[in-house]
C-alpha atoms as a PDB file:
ATOM      1  CA  UNK A   1       0.000   0.000   0.000  1.00  0.00           C
ATOM      2  CA  UNK A   2       2.849   2.404   0.793  1.00  0.00           C
ATOM      3  CA  UNK A   3       4.360   1.672  -2.586  1.00  0.00           C
ATOM      4  CA  UNK A   4       1.089   2.493  -4.369  1.00  0.00           C
ATOM      5  CA  UNK A   5       0.741   5.693  -2.361  1.00  0.00           C
ATOM      6  CA  UNK A   6       4.337   6.659  -3.162  1.00  0.00           C
ATOM      7  CA  UNK A   7       3.811   6.049  -6.898  1.00  0.00           C
ATOM      8  CA  UNK A   8       0.526   7.992  -6.879  1.00  0.00           C
ATOM      9  CA  UNK A   9       2.139  10.901  -5.033  1.00  0.00           C
ATOM     10  CA  UNK A  10       5.098  10.964  -7.461  1.00  0.00           C
ATOM     11  CA  UNK A  11       2.765  10.859 -10.456  1.00  0.00           C
ATOM     12  CA  UNK A  12       0.637  13.686  -9.037  1.00  0.00           C
ATOM     13  CA  UNK A  13       3.731  15.772  -8.345  1.00  0.00           C
ATOM     14  CA  UNK A  14       5.061  15.174 -11.868  1.00  0.00           C
ATOM     15  CA  UNK A  15       1.684  16.112 -13.336  1.00  0.00           C
ATOM     16  CA  UNK A  16       1.542  19.283 -11.249  1.00  0.00           C
ATOM     17  CA  UNK A  17       5.081  20.215 -12.308  1.00  0.00           C
ATOM     18  CA  UNK A  18       4.180  19.751 -15.982  1.00  0.00           C
ATOM     19  CA  UNK A  19       1.007  21.776 -15.555  1.00  0.00           C
ATOM     20  CA  UNK A  20       2.951  24.532 -13.771  1.00  0.00           C
ATOM     21  CA  UNK A  21       5.589  24.562 -16.551  1.00  0.00           C
ATOM     22  CA  UNK A  22       2.900  24.742 -19.258  1.00  0.00           C
ATOM     23  CA  UNK A  23       1.135  27.581 -17.440  1.00  0.00           C
ATOM     24  CA  UNK A  24       4.416  29.472 -17.017  1.00  0.00           C
ATOM     25  CA  UNK A  25       5.188  29.108 -20.726  1.00  0.00           C
ATOM     26  CA  UNK A  26       1.692  30.272 -21.668  1.00  0.00           C
ATOM     27  CA  UNK A  27       1.987  33.291 -19.357  1.00  0.00           C
ATOM     28  CA  UNK A  28       5.453  34.261 -20.633  1.00  0.00           C
ATOM     29  CA  UNK A  29       5.342  37.137 -23.096  1.00  0.00           C
ATOM     30  CA  UNK A  30       5.877  36.200 -26.710  1.00  0.00           C
ATOM     31  CA  UNK A  31       9.271  37.211 -28.065  1.00  0.00           C
ATOM     32  CA  UNK A  32       9.320  40.429 -30.076  1.00  0.00           C
ATOM     33  CA  UNK A  33       9.055  39.754 -33.808  1.00  0.00           C
ATOM     34  CA  UNK A  34      12.191  40.149 -35.906  1.00  0.00           C
ATOM     35  CA  UNK A  35      11.668  43.115 -38.248  1.00  0.00           C
ATOM     36  CA  UNK A  36      12.931  43.174 -41.842  1.00  0.00           C
ATOM     37  CA  UNK A  37      14.403  46.664 -41.450  1.00  0.00           C
ATOM     38  CA  UNK A  38      13.865  49.933 -43.265  1.00  0.00           C
ATOM     39  CA  UNK A  39      16.234  49.182 -46.171  1.00  0.00           C
ATOM     40  CA  UNK A  40      14.503  45.908 -47.063  1.00  0.00           C
ATOM     41  CA  UNK A  41      11.053  47.504 -46.747  1.00  0.00           C
ATOM     42  CA  UNK A  42      12.121  50.331 -49.071  1.00  0.00           C
ATOM     43  CA  UNK A  43      13.464  47.842 -51.626  1.00  0.00           C
ATOM     44  CA  UNK A  44      10.236  45.819 -51.445  1.00  0.00           C
ATOM     45  CA  UNK A  45       8.106  48.937 -51.982  1.00  0.00           C
ATOM     46  CA  UNK A  46      10.249  50.078 -54.921  1.00  0.00           C
ATOM     47  CA  UNK A  47      10.038  46.631 -56.525  1.00  0.00           C
ATOM     48  CA  UNK A  48       6.268  46.406 -56.002  1.00  0.00           C
ATOM     49  CA  UNK A  49       5.360  49.894 -57.244  1.00  0.00           C
ATOM     50  CA  UNK A  50       8.201  50.691 -59.626  1.00  0.00           C
ATOM     51  CA  UNK A  51       8.856  54.070 -58.024  1.00  0.00           C
ATOM     52  CA  UNK A  52      11.730  55.597 -56.093  1.00  0.00           C
ATOM     53  CA  UNK A  53      11.268  55.788 -52.307  1.00  0.00           C
ATOM     54  CA  UNK A  54      11.814  59.069 -50.481  1.00  0.00           C
ATOM     55  CA  UNK A  55      10.367  58.397 -47.010  1.00  0.00           C
ATOM     56  CA  UNK A  56       9.915  55.412 -44.712  1.00  0.00           C
ATOM     57  CA  UNK A  57       8.800  54.885 -41.132  1.00  0.00           C
ATOM     58  CA  UNK A  58       7.567  52.114 -38.867  1.00  0.00           C
ATOM     59  CA  UNK A  59       3.846  52.323 -38.069  1.00  0.00           C
ATOM     60  CA  UNK A  60       0.775  50.301 -37.012  1.00  0.00           C
ATOM     61  CA  UNK A  61      -1.894  49.991 -39.690  1.00  0.00           C
ATOM     62  CA  UNK A  62      -5.066  48.008 -39.057  1.00  0.00           C
ATOM     63  CA  UNK A  63      -3.409  45.998 -36.275  1.00  0.00           C
ATOM     64  CA  UNK A  64      -0.334  45.118 -38.342  1.00  0.00           C
ATOM     65  CA  UNK A  65       3.177  46.475 -37.823  1.00  0.00           C
ATOM     66  CA  UNK A  66       4.190  47.967 -41.186  1.00  0.00           C
ATOM     67  CA  UNK A  67       6.769  50.200 -42.777  1.00  0.00           C
ATOM     68  CA  UNK A  68       4.931  53.061 -44.423  1.00  0.00           C
ATOM     69  CA  UNK A  69       6.950  53.933 -47.532  1.00  0.00           C
ATOM     70  CA  UNK A  70       6.321  56.991 -49.728  1.00  0.00           C
ATOM     71  CA  UNK A  71       7.589  56.861 -53.287  1.00  0.00           C
ATOM     72  CA  UNK A  72       7.631  59.009 -56.383  1.00  0.00           C
ATOM     73  CA  UNK A  73       6.943  57.718 -59.890  1.00  0.00           C
ATOM     74  CA  UNK A  74       6.515  59.938 -62.944  1.00  0.00           C
ATOM     75  CA  UNK A  75       6.408  62.982 -60.661  1.00  0.00           C
ATOM     76  CA  UNK A  76       3.512  61.651 -58.564  1.00  0.00           C
ATOM     77  CA  UNK A  77       3.603  60.518 -54.952  1.00  0.00           C
ATOM     78  CA  UNK A  78       2.696  56.910 -54.135  1.00  0.00           C
ATOM     79  CA  UNK A  79       2.349  55.102 -50.830  1.00  0.00           C
ATOM     80  CA  UNK A  80       2.979  51.489 -49.803  1.00  0.00           C
ATOM     81  CA  UNK A  81       2.620  49.595 -46.534  1.00  0.00           C
ATOM     82  CA  UNK A  82       5.168  46.786 -46.197  1.00  0.00           C
ATOM     83  CA  UNK A  83       4.630  44.143 -43.501  1.00  0.00           C
ATOM     84  CA  UNK A  84       7.452  44.792 -41.013  1.00  0.00           C
ATOM     85  CA  UNK A  85       7.912  41.078 -40.264  1.00  0.00           C
ATOM     86  CA  UNK A  86       7.497  39.416 -43.688  1.00  0.00           C
ATOM     87  CA  UNK A  87       8.630  42.257 -45.971  1.00  0.00           C
ATOM     88  CA  UNK A  88       5.598  41.778 -48.211  1.00  0.00           C
ATOM     89  CA  UNK A  89       3.358  44.468 -49.659  1.00  0.00           C
ATOM     90  CA  UNK A  90       0.214  44.832 -47.526  1.00  0.00           C
ATOM     91  CA  UNK A  91      -1.415  47.876 -49.146  1.00  0.00           C
ATOM     92  CA  UNK A  92      -0.662  50.417 -51.834  1.00  0.00           C
ATOM     93  CA  UNK A  93      -2.179  53.731 -52.757  1.00  0.00           C
ATOM     94  CA  UNK A  94      -1.802  55.798 -55.914  1.00  0.00           C
ATOM     95  CA  UNK A  95      -2.517  58.966 -53.979  1.00  0.00           C
ATOM     96  CA  UNK A  96      -1.461  59.400 -50.340  1.00  0.00           C
ATOM     97  CA  UNK A  97      -4.401  59.476 -47.931  1.00  0.00           C
ATOM     98  CA  UNK A  98      -3.539  63.060 -46.934  1.00  0.00           C
ATOM     99  CA  UNK A  99      -2.029  65.795 -49.089  1.00  0.00           C
ATOM    100  CA  UNK A 100       1.755  65.580 -49.139  1.00  0.00           C
ATOM    101  CA  UNK A 101       3.761  68.620 -48.064  1.00  0.00           C
ATOM    102  CA  UNK A 102       6.115  68.166 -51.028  1.00  0.00           C
ATOM    103  CA  UNK A 103       6.164  70.436 -53.984  1.00  0.00           C
ATOM    104  CA  UNK A 104       7.080  69.146 -57.415  1.00  0.00           C
ATOM    105  CA  UNK A 105      10.687  70.282 -56.944  1.00  0.00           C
ATOM    106  CA  UNK A 106      11.193  68.056 -53.893  1.00  0.00           C
ATOM    107  CA  UNK A 107       9.584  65.073 -55.614  1.00  0.00           C
ATOM    108  CA  UNK A 108      11.705  65.674 -58.728  1.00  0.00           C
ATOM    109  CA  UNK A 109      14.849  65.873 -56.544  1.00  0.00           C
ATOM    110  CA  UNK A 110      13.937  62.551 -54.901  1.00  0.00           C
ATOM    111  CA  UNK A 111      13.205  60.923 -58.247  1.00  0.00           C
ATOM    112  CA  UNK A 112      16.480  62.089 -59.812  1.00  0.00           C
ATOM    113  CA  UNK A 113      18.740  61.642 -56.767  1.00  0.00           C
ATOM    114  CA  UNK A 114      22.006  59.876 -57.661  1.00  0.00           C
ATOM    115  CA  UNK A 115      21.449  57.244 -54.931  1.00  0.00           C
ATOM    116  CA  UNK A 116      18.397  55.197 -54.065  1.00  0.00           C
ATOM    117  CA  UNK A 117      17.012  55.496 -50.567  1.00  0.00           C
ATOM    118  CA  UNK A 118      18.228  51.929 -49.879  1.00  0.00           C
ATOM    119  CA  UNK A 119      21.762  52.948 -50.865  1.00  0.00           C
ATOM    120  CA  UNK A 120      21.512  56.062 -48.701  1.00  0.00           C
ATOM    121  CA  UNK A 121      20.320  53.985 -45.725  1.00  0.00           C
ATOM    122  CA  UNK A 122      23.251  51.565 -46.158  1.00  0.00           C
ATOM    123  CA  UNK A 123      25.688  54.490 -46.424  1.00  0.00           C
ATOM    124  CA  UNK A 124      24.321  56.143 -43.252  1.00  0.00           C
ATOM    125  CA  UNK A 125      24.343  52.899 -41.261  1.00  0.00           C
ATOM    126  CA  UNK A 126      27.941  52.133 -42.291  1.00  0.00           C
ATOM    127  CA  UNK A 127      29.066  55.686 -41.527  1.00  0.00           C
ATOM    128  CA  UNK A 128      27.323  56.084 -38.155  1.00  0.00           C
ATOM    129  CA  UNK A 129      27.353  52.454 -36.940  1.00  0.00           C
ATOM    130  CA  UNK A 130      23.679  53.009 -36.080  1.00  0.00           C
ATOM    131  CA  UNK A 131      20.455  51.514 -37.406  1.00  0.00           C
ATOM    132  CA  UNK A 132      18.097  53.670 -39.472  1.00  0.00           C
ATOM    133  CA  UNK A 133      14.592  53.734 -37.997  1.00  0.00           C
ATOM    134  CA  UNK A 134      12.978  56.374 -40.195  1.00  0.00           C
ATOM    135  CA  UNK A 135      13.630  58.715 -43.123  1.00  0.00           C
ATOM    136  CA  UNK A 136      11.854  61.951 -44.087  1.00  0.00           C
ATOM    137  CA  UNK A 137      12.327  64.113 -47.182  1.00  0.00           C
ATOM    138  CA  UNK A 138      12.862  67.762 -46.240  1.00  0.00           C
ATOM    139  CA  UNK A 139      13.781  71.017 -47.965  1.00  0.00           C
ATOM    140  CA  UNK A 140      15.863  73.896 -46.695  1.00  0.00           C
ATOM    141  CA  UNK A 141      17.424  76.789 -48.559  1.00  0.00           C
ATOM    142  CA  UNK A 142      16.316  75.381 -51.903  1.00  0.00           C
ATOM    143  CA  UNK A 143      18.078  72.040 -51.263  1.00  0.00           C
ATOM    144  CA  UNK A 144      16.433  68.687 -50.695  1.00  0.00           C
ATOM    145  CA  UNK A 145      17.793  66.347 -48.049  1.00  0.00           C
ATOM    146  CA  UNK A 146      16.827  63.263 -46.071  1.00  0.00           C
ATOM    147  CA  UNK A 147      16.350  63.646 -42.342  1.00  0.00           C
ATOM    148  CA  UNK A 148      17.368  60.242 -40.995  1.00  0.00           C
ATOM    149  CA  UNK A 149      16.455  58.951 -37.518  1.00  0.00           C
ATOM    150  CA  UNK A 150      18.954  56.535 -35.983  1.00  0.00           C
ATOM    151  CA  UNK A 151      19.065  54.072 -33.109  1.00  0.00           C
ATOM    152  CA  UNK A 152      22.331  52.965 -31.530  1.00  0.00           C
ATOM    153  CA  UNK A 153      24.444  55.798 -32.952  1.00  0.00           C
ATOM    154  CA  UNK A 154      26.192  58.701 -31.250  1.00  0.00           C
ATOM    155  CA  UNK A 155      24.152  61.158 -33.336  1.00  0.00           C
ATOM    156  CA  UNK A 156      20.465  60.356 -33.071  1.00  0.00           C
ATOM    157  CA  UNK A 157      19.488  62.175 -36.259  1.00  0.00           C
ATOM    158  CA  UNK A 158      21.485  63.130 -39.337  1.00  0.00           C
ATOM    159  CA  UNK A 159      20.816  65.018 -42.559  1.00  0.00           C
ATOM    160  CA  UNK A 160      21.856  63.580 -45.897  1.00  0.00           C
ATOM    161  CA  UNK A 161      22.090  65.890 -48.912  1.00  0.00           C
ATOM    162  CA  UNK A 162      20.238  64.252 -51.822  1.00  0.00           C
ATOM    163  CA  UNK A 163      22.752  65.431 -54.417  1.00  0.00           C
ATOM    164  CA  UNK A 164      26.096  65.089 -52.658  1.00  0.00           C
ATOM    165  CA  UNK A 165      25.373  62.383 -50.087  1.00  0.00           C
ATOM    166  CA  UNK A 166      27.035  64.510 -47.397  1.00  0.00           C
ATOM    167  CA  UNK A 167      26.010  63.351 -43.918  1.00  0.00           C
ATOM    168  CA  UNK A 168      25.642  66.059 -41.272  1.00  0.00           C
ATOM    169  CA  UNK A 169      24.682  65.433 -37.618  1.00  0.00           C
ATOM    170  CA  UNK A 170      21.586  67.328 -36.541  1.00  0.00           C
ATOM    171  CA  UNK A 171      22.101  69.386 -33.403  1.00  0.00           C
ATOM    172  CA  UNK A 172      18.491  70.332 -32.639  1.00  0.00           C
ATOM    173  CA  UNK A 173      15.915  67.659 -33.413  1.00  0.00           C
END
């Protein structure tokens, strides 16, 4: 009888331990998804829409983490949402949902820039040893430039001249 009781107690303890382990695993937060990165999202958007990207940022759209990429094609602004985990096109728009603040000169500068946005992102990441998290097209003094947000770099934001590729740290952001 003692042997049966001992076996029953051991089995119950093992079952409780397994149940506790399963509950702990279920309660543990899911690991953060691995993101494809801005450069890959930009390349995917350019391939899907045939335009040249000039802005990209991470965003939530309809419950999905996406890179929102703005492009220019034939002088017109386009928009694409790229799934941040798979790198696949989720949604595209021929006209941005809100009016863009870019005049034709800025869009023309982005379309005729000597480097693609993907090449610019790679150049900035190599130069700063940071990771690009967002890119905006800006204009100042008649010149177009990218304002690039970085993570893991000494300078949090930099400006990149569209024509020359010169990278300048931003002091006030």
